[in-house]
N, C-alpha and C. Protein backbone atom coordinates (compact mmCIF):
# COMPACT_ATOMS: atom_id res chain seq x y z
N MET A 1 40.07 350.27 95.46
CA MET A 1 41.32 349.96 94.80
C MET A 1 41.02 349.10 93.56
N TYR A 2 41.61 349.45 92.44
CA TYR A 2 41.47 348.67 91.23
C TYR A 2 42.81 348.60 90.52
N ALA A 3 42.88 347.67 89.59
CA ALA A 3 44.11 347.49 88.82
C ALA A 3 43.74 347.15 87.39
N ILE A 4 44.62 347.51 86.49
CA ILE A 4 44.47 347.09 85.10
C ILE A 4 45.54 346.03 84.84
N VAL A 5 45.06 344.83 84.51
CA VAL A 5 45.92 343.65 84.39
C VAL A 5 45.85 343.12 82.98
N GLU A 6 46.95 342.57 82.52
CA GLU A 6 46.95 341.89 81.22
C GLU A 6 46.76 340.40 81.47
N ILE A 7 45.63 339.87 80.99
CA ILE A 7 45.31 338.45 81.16
C ILE A 7 45.03 337.86 79.79
N GLY A 8 45.83 336.92 79.40
CA GLY A 8 45.62 336.26 78.11
C GLY A 8 45.72 337.21 76.93
N GLY A 9 46.59 338.21 77.01
CA GLY A 9 46.78 339.15 75.91
C GLY A 9 45.77 340.28 75.87
N LYS A 10 44.85 340.34 76.86
CA LYS A 10 43.86 341.41 76.90
C LYS A 10 43.98 342.17 78.21
N GLN A 11 43.73 343.46 78.17
CA GLN A 11 43.79 344.29 79.37
C GLN A 11 42.42 344.32 80.03
N VAL A 12 42.40 344.03 81.36
CA VAL A 12 41.16 343.92 82.09
C VAL A 12 41.26 344.77 83.35
N LYS A 13 40.18 345.52 83.65
CA LYS A 13 40.13 346.30 84.88
C LYS A 13 39.50 345.41 85.95
N VAL A 14 40.21 345.19 87.08
CA VAL A 14 39.72 344.29 88.12
C VAL A 14 39.70 345.00 89.47
N GLU A 15 38.77 344.56 90.32
CA GLU A 15 38.66 345.02 91.70
C GLU A 15 38.54 343.80 92.59
N LYS A 16 38.72 343.98 93.88
CA LYS A 16 38.64 342.87 94.82
C LYS A 16 37.22 342.31 94.84
N ASN A 17 37.10 340.97 94.92
CA ASN A 17 35.84 340.22 94.96
C ASN A 17 35.01 340.38 93.68
N GLN A 18 35.64 340.68 92.59
CA GLN A 18 34.95 340.82 91.32
C GLN A 18 35.07 339.52 90.53
N LYS A 19 33.96 339.11 89.89
CA LYS A 19 33.98 337.94 89.03
C LYS A 19 34.05 338.42 87.58
N ILE A 20 34.98 337.82 86.83
CA ILE A 20 35.13 338.20 85.43
C ILE A 20 35.34 336.94 84.59
N PHE A 21 35.04 337.08 83.29
CA PHE A 21 35.27 336.01 82.34
C PHE A 21 36.49 336.37 81.50
N VAL A 22 37.42 335.43 81.38
CA VAL A 22 38.62 335.63 80.55
C VAL A 22 38.75 334.43 79.62
N ASN A 23 39.63 334.56 78.63
CA ASN A 23 39.88 333.43 77.74
C ASN A 23 40.40 332.25 78.55
N ARG A 24 40.16 331.05 78.07
CA ARG A 24 40.45 329.82 78.80
C ARG A 24 41.89 329.80 79.32
N LEU A 25 42.04 329.51 80.62
CA LEU A 25 43.34 329.41 81.27
C LEU A 25 43.68 327.93 81.47
N ASP A 26 44.97 327.62 81.46
CA ASP A 26 45.42 326.24 81.65
C ASP A 26 45.63 325.96 83.13
N ALA A 27 44.55 325.82 83.87
CA ALA A 27 44.61 325.48 85.29
C ALA A 27 43.29 324.81 85.65
N LYS A 28 43.31 324.04 86.74
CA LYS A 28 42.11 323.30 87.14
C LYS A 28 41.15 324.21 87.89
N GLU A 29 39.88 323.81 87.89
CA GLU A 29 38.87 324.56 88.64
C GLU A 29 39.19 324.49 90.12
N GLY A 30 39.03 325.61 90.81
CA GLY A 30 39.31 325.68 92.24
C GLY A 30 40.74 326.06 92.56
N SER A 31 41.64 326.05 91.57
CA SER A 31 43.03 326.43 91.83
C SER A 31 43.18 327.94 91.82
N LYS A 32 44.28 328.41 92.39
CA LYS A 32 44.55 329.84 92.44
C LYS A 32 45.62 330.19 91.42
N VAL A 33 45.45 331.35 90.80
CA VAL A 33 46.42 331.83 89.82
C VAL A 33 46.84 333.24 90.20
N THR A 34 48.04 333.60 89.82
CA THR A 34 48.57 334.93 90.10
C THR A 34 48.97 335.58 88.79
N PHE A 35 48.51 336.81 88.60
CA PHE A 35 48.86 337.59 87.43
C PHE A 35 49.79 338.71 87.87
N ASP A 36 51.00 338.71 87.32
CA ASP A 36 51.97 339.71 87.77
C ASP A 36 52.26 340.78 86.72
N ASN A 37 51.52 340.80 85.64
CA ASN A 37 51.71 341.83 84.61
C ASN A 37 50.67 342.93 84.85
N ILE A 38 50.90 343.76 85.89
CA ILE A 38 49.99 344.84 86.27
C ILE A 38 50.44 346.10 85.55
N LEU A 39 49.54 346.68 84.78
CA LEU A 39 49.89 347.87 84.00
C LEU A 39 49.62 349.16 84.76
N LEU A 40 48.59 349.15 85.66
CA LEU A 40 48.22 350.35 86.39
C LEU A 40 47.57 349.94 87.70
N LEU A 41 47.88 350.69 88.77
CA LEU A 41 47.26 350.48 90.08
C LEU A 41 46.67 351.79 90.56
N ASP A 42 45.47 351.73 91.14
CA ASP A 42 44.85 352.92 91.73
C ASP A 42 44.44 352.55 93.15
N ASN A 43 45.07 353.20 94.13
CA ASN A 43 44.77 352.94 95.54
C ASN A 43 44.28 354.24 96.16
N ALA A 44 42.96 354.42 96.22
CA ALA A 44 42.33 355.61 96.81
C ALA A 44 42.88 356.90 96.21
N GLY A 45 42.94 356.97 94.90
CA GLY A 45 43.38 358.18 94.23
C GLY A 45 44.87 358.22 93.94
N LYS A 46 45.64 357.35 94.55
CA LYS A 46 47.08 357.29 94.30
C LYS A 46 47.30 356.33 93.12
N VAL A 47 47.66 356.89 91.99
CA VAL A 47 47.81 356.09 90.77
C VAL A 47 49.27 355.76 90.55
N VAL A 48 49.54 354.47 90.32
CA VAL A 48 50.90 354.02 89.99
C VAL A 48 50.84 353.44 88.59
N LEU A 49 51.63 354.03 87.72
CA LEU A 49 51.65 353.61 86.32
C LEU A 49 52.91 352.81 86.06
N GLY A 50 52.77 351.64 85.45
CA GLY A 50 53.92 350.79 85.18
C GLY A 50 54.64 351.18 83.92
N THR A 51 55.92 350.85 83.88
CA THR A 51 56.74 351.12 82.69
C THR A 51 57.45 349.85 82.26
N PRO A 52 56.95 348.91 81.61
CA PRO A 52 55.57 348.76 81.17
C PRO A 52 54.68 348.13 82.24
N SER A 53 55.26 347.52 83.27
CA SER A 53 54.42 346.94 84.32
C SER A 53 54.93 347.41 85.68
N VAL A 54 54.02 347.35 86.67
CA VAL A 54 54.36 347.78 88.02
C VAL A 54 55.13 346.65 88.69
N LYS A 55 56.36 346.93 89.16
CA LYS A 55 57.19 345.90 89.77
C LYS A 55 56.70 345.62 91.18
N GLY A 56 56.63 344.33 91.50
CA GLY A 56 56.23 343.93 92.84
C GLY A 56 54.73 343.82 93.03
N ALA A 57 53.94 344.26 92.06
CA ALA A 57 52.48 344.20 92.18
C ALA A 57 51.98 342.91 91.55
N ALA A 58 50.85 342.42 92.08
CA ALA A 58 50.27 341.19 91.54
C ALA A 58 48.78 341.15 91.87
N VAL A 59 48.07 340.32 91.13
CA VAL A 59 46.65 340.09 91.38
C VAL A 59 46.48 338.58 91.57
N GLU A 60 45.87 338.19 92.70
CA GLU A 60 45.61 336.79 92.95
C GLU A 60 44.14 336.52 92.70
N ALA A 61 43.86 335.43 92.00
CA ALA A 61 42.48 335.09 91.65
C ALA A 61 42.28 333.59 91.79
N LYS A 62 41.01 333.21 91.92
CA LYS A 62 40.64 331.80 92.03
C LYS A 62 39.79 331.44 90.83
N ILE A 63 40.08 330.28 90.24
CA ILE A 63 39.30 329.83 89.08
C ILE A 63 38.02 329.19 89.59
N ILE A 64 36.88 329.75 89.17
CA ILE A 64 35.59 329.22 89.61
C ILE A 64 35.16 328.07 88.70
N LYS A 65 35.13 328.30 87.38
CA LYS A 65 34.77 327.22 86.46
C LYS A 65 35.19 327.56 85.04
N HIS A 66 35.27 326.50 84.24
CA HIS A 66 35.53 326.63 82.81
C HIS A 66 34.19 326.45 82.09
N LEU A 67 33.95 327.25 81.08
CA LEU A 67 32.68 327.16 80.36
C LEU A 67 32.85 327.65 78.94
N LYS A 68 31.74 327.58 78.18
CA LYS A 68 31.73 328.08 76.81
C LYS A 68 30.78 329.27 76.73
N ASP A 69 31.15 330.26 75.93
CA ASP A 69 30.35 331.47 75.76
C ASP A 69 29.13 331.15 74.89
N ASP A 70 28.22 332.12 74.78
CA ASP A 70 27.05 331.96 73.92
C ASP A 70 27.50 331.82 72.48
N LYS A 71 26.64 331.17 71.69
CA LYS A 71 26.98 330.95 70.29
C LYS A 71 26.89 332.25 69.51
N VAL A 72 27.88 332.47 68.67
CA VAL A 72 27.92 333.63 67.78
C VAL A 72 27.75 333.10 66.37
N ILE A 73 26.78 333.63 65.63
CA ILE A 73 26.54 333.21 64.25
C ILE A 73 27.37 334.09 63.32
N VAL A 74 28.12 333.44 62.44
CA VAL A 74 28.92 334.15 61.43
C VAL A 74 28.28 333.85 60.09
N PHE A 75 27.66 334.86 59.48
CA PHE A 75 26.96 334.68 58.21
C PHE A 75 27.60 335.58 57.16
N LYS A 76 28.00 334.97 56.05
CA LYS A 76 28.62 335.73 54.96
C LYS A 76 27.76 335.58 53.72
N LYS A 77 27.61 336.66 52.99
CA LYS A 77 26.80 336.62 51.77
C LYS A 77 27.33 337.64 50.78
N LYS A 78 27.29 337.27 49.51
CA LYS A 78 27.62 338.21 48.44
C LYS A 78 26.40 338.29 47.53
N ARG A 79 25.89 339.49 47.38
CA ARG A 79 24.67 339.68 46.60
C ARG A 79 24.87 339.27 45.15
N ARG A 80 23.82 338.68 44.62
CA ARG A 80 23.74 338.34 43.19
C ARG A 80 24.85 337.38 42.74
N LYS A 81 25.51 336.72 43.67
CA LYS A 81 26.57 335.80 43.29
C LYS A 81 26.25 334.36 43.69
N GLY A 82 25.20 334.18 44.47
CA GLY A 82 24.84 332.84 44.91
C GLY A 82 25.76 332.31 45.99
N TYR A 83 26.37 333.21 46.76
CA TYR A 83 27.34 332.81 47.78
C TYR A 83 26.77 333.10 49.16
N LYS A 84 26.57 332.05 49.96
CA LYS A 84 26.12 332.19 51.34
C LYS A 84 26.85 331.16 52.18
N VAL A 85 27.41 331.58 53.33
CA VAL A 85 28.07 330.66 54.26
C VAL A 85 27.60 331.01 55.66
N LYS A 86 27.18 330.00 56.41
CA LYS A 86 26.72 330.22 57.78
C LYS A 86 27.54 329.33 58.70
N ASN A 87 28.20 329.94 59.69
CA ASN A 87 28.99 329.21 60.67
C ASN A 87 28.65 329.69 62.06
N GLY A 88 28.88 328.86 63.05
CA GLY A 88 28.69 329.24 64.44
C GLY A 88 29.99 329.07 65.20
N HIS A 89 30.12 329.78 66.32
CA HIS A 89 31.35 329.70 67.11
C HIS A 89 31.01 329.91 68.58
N ARG A 90 31.60 329.10 69.46
CA ARG A 90 31.45 329.27 70.90
C ARG A 90 32.84 329.37 71.50
N GLN A 91 33.14 330.50 72.13
CA GLN A 91 34.46 330.75 72.69
C GLN A 91 34.60 330.02 74.02
N PHE A 92 35.78 329.44 74.29
CA PHE A 92 36.08 328.81 75.56
C PHE A 92 36.47 329.89 76.57
N LEU A 93 35.82 329.91 77.71
CA LEU A 93 36.07 330.93 78.73
C LEU A 93 36.39 330.29 80.07
N THR A 94 36.95 331.11 80.96
CA THR A 94 37.18 330.72 82.35
C THR A 94 36.62 331.84 83.21
N GLU A 95 35.83 331.47 84.21
CA GLU A 95 35.31 332.46 85.15
C GLU A 95 36.25 332.48 86.35
N ILE A 96 36.77 333.69 86.67
CA ILE A 96 37.66 333.82 87.81
C ILE A 96 37.10 334.86 88.78
N MET A 97 37.52 334.74 90.05
CA MET A 97 37.13 335.72 91.06
C MET A 97 38.41 336.30 91.66
N VAL A 98 38.53 337.62 91.61
CA VAL A 98 39.72 338.30 92.12
C VAL A 98 39.66 338.28 93.64
N GLU A 99 40.71 337.74 94.28
CA GLU A 99 40.76 337.65 95.74
C GLU A 99 41.58 338.77 96.35
N LYS A 100 42.75 339.07 95.77
CA LYS A 100 43.63 340.09 96.34
C LYS A 100 44.27 340.89 95.22
N ILE A 101 44.53 342.16 95.55
CA ILE A 101 45.36 343.00 94.68
C ILE A 101 46.52 343.44 95.55
N LEU A 102 47.70 342.94 95.25
CA LEU A 102 48.88 343.26 96.03
C LEU A 102 49.65 344.38 95.36
N GLU A 103 49.89 345.47 96.16
CA GLU A 103 50.60 346.61 95.59
C GLU A 103 52.10 346.41 95.64
N LYS A 104 52.58 345.84 96.73
CA LYS A 104 54.02 345.59 96.89
C LYS A 104 54.20 344.24 97.57
N GLY A 105 55.39 343.72 97.43
CA GLY A 105 55.73 342.49 98.16
C GLY A 105 55.20 341.23 97.51
N ALA A 106 54.80 341.29 96.27
CA ALA A 106 54.34 340.06 95.61
C ALA A 106 55.55 339.20 95.27
N LYS A 107 55.41 337.93 95.56
CA LYS A 107 56.52 337.01 95.27
C LYS A 107 56.50 336.68 93.79
N PRO A 108 57.68 336.62 93.19
CA PRO A 108 57.70 336.21 91.78
C PRO A 108 57.19 334.78 91.66
N VAL A 109 56.29 334.58 90.74
CA VAL A 109 55.65 333.29 90.58
C VAL A 109 56.16 332.64 89.30
N ALA A 110 56.37 331.33 89.36
CA ALA A 110 56.82 330.60 88.17
C ALA A 110 55.72 330.63 87.13
N ASP A 111 56.12 330.53 85.87
CA ASP A 111 55.14 330.60 84.78
C ASP A 111 54.14 329.45 84.85
N ALA A 112 54.51 328.32 85.43
CA ALA A 112 53.60 327.18 85.46
C ALA A 112 52.37 327.50 86.33
N LYS A 113 52.54 328.29 87.38
CA LYS A 113 51.43 328.62 88.26
C LYS A 113 50.68 329.85 87.77
N SER A 114 51.35 330.68 87.03
CA SER A 114 50.74 331.93 86.58
C SER A 114 49.74 331.67 85.46
N GLY A 115 48.69 332.48 85.43
CA GLY A 115 47.70 332.36 84.37
C GLY A 115 48.24 332.87 83.06
N ILE A 116 49.22 333.74 83.12
CA ILE A 116 49.80 334.32 81.91
C ILE A 116 51.12 333.64 81.64
N LYS A 117 51.31 333.26 80.43
CA LYS A 117 52.58 332.69 80.04
C LYS A 117 53.29 333.73 79.20
N GLU A 118 54.33 334.31 79.74
CA GLU A 118 55.06 335.33 79.00
C GLU A 118 56.02 334.65 78.06
N SER A 119 56.04 335.13 76.86
CA SER A 119 56.97 334.56 75.89
C SER A 119 58.12 335.54 75.70
N LYS A 120 59.31 335.03 75.93
CA LYS A 120 60.50 335.84 75.74
C LYS A 120 61.15 335.41 74.44
N PRO A 121 61.66 336.37 73.68
CA PRO A 121 62.28 335.98 72.41
C PRO A 121 63.49 335.10 72.68
N ALA A 122 63.52 333.98 72.01
CA ALA A 122 64.63 333.04 72.19
C ALA A 122 65.84 333.54 71.41
N VAL A 123 67.00 333.42 72.02
CA VAL A 123 68.23 333.81 71.37
C VAL A 123 68.71 332.61 70.58
N GLU A 124 68.85 332.79 69.29
CA GLU A 124 69.28 331.68 68.46
C GLU A 124 70.79 331.57 68.52
N LYS A 125 71.23 330.36 68.75
CA LYS A 125 72.67 330.12 68.77
C LYS A 125 73.09 329.68 67.38
N LYS A 126 74.12 330.33 66.89
CA LYS A 126 74.63 329.97 65.58
C LYS A 126 75.63 328.84 65.76
N PRO A 127 75.51 327.77 64.99
CA PRO A 127 76.46 326.68 65.12
C PRO A 127 77.83 327.12 64.63
N ALA A 128 78.85 326.63 65.31
CA ALA A 128 80.22 326.97 64.93
C ALA A 128 80.51 326.36 63.56
N ALA A 129 81.38 327.03 62.81
CA ALA A 129 81.71 326.53 61.49
C ALA A 129 82.42 325.19 61.64
N LYS A 130 81.92 324.19 60.95
CA LYS A 130 82.51 322.86 61.04
C LYS A 130 83.52 322.68 59.93
N LYS A 131 84.61 321.98 60.29
CA LYS A 131 85.62 321.67 59.29
C LYS A 131 85.15 320.46 58.51
N PRO A 132 85.36 320.48 57.20
CA PRO A 132 84.94 319.32 56.44
C PRO A 132 85.75 318.10 56.85
N ALA A 133 85.08 317.03 57.16
CA ALA A 133 85.74 315.80 57.59
C ALA A 133 86.34 315.11 56.37
N ALA A 134 87.44 314.39 56.61
CA ALA A 134 88.07 313.66 55.52
C ALA A 134 87.12 312.56 55.08
N LYS A 135 86.98 312.41 53.80
CA LYS A 135 86.05 311.41 53.30
C LYS A 135 86.69 310.03 53.40
N LYS A 136 85.92 309.14 53.98
CA LYS A 136 86.39 307.76 54.09
C LYS A 136 85.79 306.98 52.93
N PRO A 137 86.60 306.07 52.38
CA PRO A 137 86.02 305.28 51.30
C PRO A 137 84.92 304.39 51.87
N ALA A 138 83.81 304.39 51.22
CA ALA A 138 82.68 303.61 51.69
C ALA A 138 82.92 302.15 51.38
N ALA A 139 82.61 301.30 52.35
CA ALA A 139 82.77 299.87 52.14
C ALA A 139 81.71 299.42 51.14
N LYS A 140 82.15 298.58 50.22
CA LYS A 140 81.22 298.12 49.20
C LYS A 140 80.34 297.04 49.79
N LYS A 141 79.08 297.22 49.63
CA LYS A 141 78.12 296.24 50.11
C LYS A 141 77.76 295.34 48.94
N PRO A 142 77.49 294.07 49.23
CA PRO A 142 77.10 293.21 48.11
C PRO A 142 75.77 293.71 47.54
N ALA A 143 75.73 293.73 46.24
CA ALA A 143 74.54 294.23 45.58
C ALA A 143 73.38 293.29 45.82
N ALA A 144 72.24 293.84 46.04
CA ALA A 144 71.05 293.02 46.24
C ALA A 144 70.71 292.33 44.93
N LYS A 145 70.17 291.12 45.04
CA LYS A 145 69.83 290.40 43.82
C LYS A 145 68.69 291.11 43.13
N LYS A 146 68.93 291.33 41.86
CA LYS A 146 67.90 292.00 41.07
C LYS A 146 67.12 290.94 40.32
N PRO A 147 65.82 291.15 40.15
CA PRO A 147 65.06 290.17 39.36
C PRO A 147 65.56 290.18 37.93
N ALA A 148 65.41 289.02 37.29
CA ALA A 148 65.89 288.89 35.92
C ALA A 148 65.23 289.94 35.04
N ALA A 149 66.05 290.49 34.17
CA ALA A 149 65.53 291.54 33.31
C ALA A 149 64.55 290.94 32.32
N LYS A 150 63.49 291.61 32.05
CA LYS A 150 62.49 291.13 31.11
C LYS A 150 63.02 291.29 29.70
N LYS A 151 62.63 290.33 28.87
CA LYS A 151 63.03 290.42 27.47
C LYS A 151 62.24 291.53 26.82
N PRO A 152 62.89 292.27 25.95
CA PRO A 152 62.13 293.33 25.29
C PRO A 152 61.04 292.73 24.41
N ALA A 153 59.91 293.35 24.43
CA ALA A 153 58.78 292.86 23.63
C ALA A 153 59.10 293.01 22.16
N ALA A 154 58.59 292.05 21.37
CA ALA A 154 58.82 292.10 19.93
C ALA A 154 58.19 293.37 19.39
N LYS A 155 58.94 293.98 18.49
CA LYS A 155 58.43 295.22 17.94
C LYS A 155 57.32 294.93 16.96
N LYS A 156 56.28 295.71 17.07
CA LYS A 156 55.17 295.57 16.14
C LYS A 156 55.54 296.29 14.86
N PRO A 157 55.11 295.73 13.72
CA PRO A 157 55.43 296.44 12.48
C PRO A 157 54.75 297.80 12.48
N ALA A 158 55.48 298.74 11.99
CA ALA A 158 54.95 300.09 11.96
C ALA A 158 53.76 300.15 11.02
N ALA A 159 52.77 300.86 11.41
CA ALA A 159 51.59 301.00 10.57
C ALA A 159 51.98 301.76 9.32
N LYS A 160 51.42 301.30 8.21
CA LYS A 160 51.76 301.95 6.94
C LYS A 160 51.11 303.32 6.89
N LYS A 161 51.91 304.23 6.44
CA LYS A 161 51.39 305.58 6.31
C LYS A 161 50.63 305.65 5.00
N PRO A 162 49.50 306.34 5.02
CA PRO A 162 48.76 306.45 3.76
C PRO A 162 49.58 307.25 2.75
N ALA A 163 49.51 306.80 1.50
CA ALA A 163 50.27 307.46 0.45
C ALA A 163 49.77 308.88 0.29
N ALA A 164 50.67 309.71 -0.15
CA ALA A 164 50.31 311.10 -0.32
C ALA A 164 49.20 311.19 -1.38
N LYS A 165 48.25 312.01 -1.13
CA LYS A 165 47.13 312.14 -2.06
C LYS A 165 47.60 312.84 -3.33
N LYS A 166 47.13 312.27 -4.43
CA LYS A 166 47.47 312.89 -5.72
C LYS A 166 46.51 314.04 -5.94
N PRO A 167 46.98 315.07 -6.55
CA PRO A 167 46.07 316.16 -6.82
C PRO A 167 44.97 315.69 -7.78
N ALA A 168 43.77 316.06 -7.44
CA ALA A 168 42.63 315.63 -8.26
C ALA A 168 42.72 316.29 -9.64
N ALA A 169 42.26 315.52 -10.64
CA ALA A 169 42.28 316.04 -11.99
C ALA A 169 41.35 317.24 -12.08
N LYS A 170 41.77 318.20 -12.89
CA LYS A 170 40.96 319.40 -12.99
C LYS A 170 39.71 319.09 -13.78
N LYS A 171 38.62 319.53 -13.22
CA LYS A 171 37.35 319.33 -13.92
C LYS A 171 37.21 320.42 -14.96
N PRO A 172 36.60 320.05 -16.09
CA PRO A 172 36.43 321.11 -17.09
C PRO A 172 35.49 322.17 -16.55
N ALA A 173 35.80 323.38 -16.88
CA ALA A 173 35.00 324.48 -16.38
C ALA A 173 33.59 324.37 -16.94
N ALA A 174 32.65 324.68 -16.16
CA ALA A 174 31.26 324.62 -16.60
C ALA A 174 31.05 325.67 -17.69
N LYS A 175 30.20 325.30 -18.63
CA LYS A 175 29.96 326.22 -19.73
C LYS A 175 29.18 327.40 -19.22
N LYS A 176 29.59 328.53 -19.75
CA LYS A 176 28.89 329.74 -19.36
C LYS A 176 27.60 329.80 -20.15
N PRO A 177 26.55 330.22 -19.49
CA PRO A 177 25.30 330.33 -20.26
C PRO A 177 25.46 331.38 -21.36
N ALA A 178 24.85 331.07 -22.46
CA ALA A 178 24.96 331.97 -23.61
C ALA A 178 24.30 333.28 -23.28
N ALA A 179 24.83 334.32 -23.87
CA ALA A 179 24.26 335.63 -23.62
C ALA A 179 22.87 335.68 -24.23
N LYS A 180 21.97 336.25 -23.55
CA LYS A 180 20.60 336.32 -24.04
C LYS A 180 20.51 337.30 -25.19
N LYS A 181 19.75 336.85 -26.14
CA LYS A 181 19.54 337.72 -27.29
C LYS A 181 18.38 338.62 -26.97
N PRO A 182 18.43 339.82 -27.50
CA PRO A 182 17.29 340.69 -27.24
C PRO A 182 16.04 340.12 -27.90
N ALA A 183 14.97 340.23 -27.18
CA ALA A 183 13.71 339.67 -27.68
C ALA A 183 13.28 340.43 -28.95
N ALA A 184 12.66 339.67 -29.85
CA ALA A 184 12.20 340.28 -31.10
C ALA A 184 11.03 341.19 -30.82
N LYS A 185 10.99 342.26 -31.57
CA LYS A 185 9.91 343.20 -31.33
C LYS A 185 8.65 342.70 -32.01
N LYS A 186 7.62 342.78 -31.29
CA LYS A 186 6.35 342.35 -31.88
C LYS A 186 5.74 343.56 -32.59
N THR A 187 5.33 343.28 -33.76
CA THR A 187 4.68 344.34 -34.51
C THR A 187 3.22 343.99 -34.67
N THR A 188 2.42 344.94 -34.58
CA THR A 188 0.98 344.73 -34.78
C THR A 188 0.54 345.43 -36.02
N LYS A 189 -0.25 344.80 -36.78
CA LYS A 189 -0.72 345.41 -38.03
C LYS A 189 -1.97 346.18 -37.72
N LYS A 190 -2.01 347.35 -38.34
CA LYS A 190 -3.19 348.17 -38.15
C LYS A 190 -4.07 347.99 -39.34
N ALA A 191 -5.30 347.86 -39.23
CA ALA A 191 -6.18 347.67 -40.35
C ALA A 191 -6.97 348.89 -40.70
């Protein structure tokens, strides 16, 4: 006989006298817990499928010990970017031993004793529309004594602005070099 049970948000296949590790449960070591969210039961070939869970079925287990899982290294790297991050993580676990698988007649167990805490959507209550209350004049309270106001600091004379620059006098244009005269031709006398 085996059952598929939802424990801590995960589906686990369990059999009688089986030891399994599940995510940390809020119960003391040596205490017994009951899981009533059974999704499937198999009793010698007779399969009962829940819609979504099998009513009246439950799994009773005993908490053996709380422990931490092996360390998992999380290493991230981006090539050619100079980015490397190394982290480690150890998951908190609980070792349990399945004692009984009840097909029918399981008593409903309060959530405090159960290993699974089912969350039901809370119905939000809308507040009734309130009538605006008549405004009462507020009683005047004596004003707290304020420290004497500081005298304003004497104003500093404004810094003189530099006078606008006068346009510089135009410099006489540089003389253009005289045009070169063609060189005189040299004549050679023949004798």
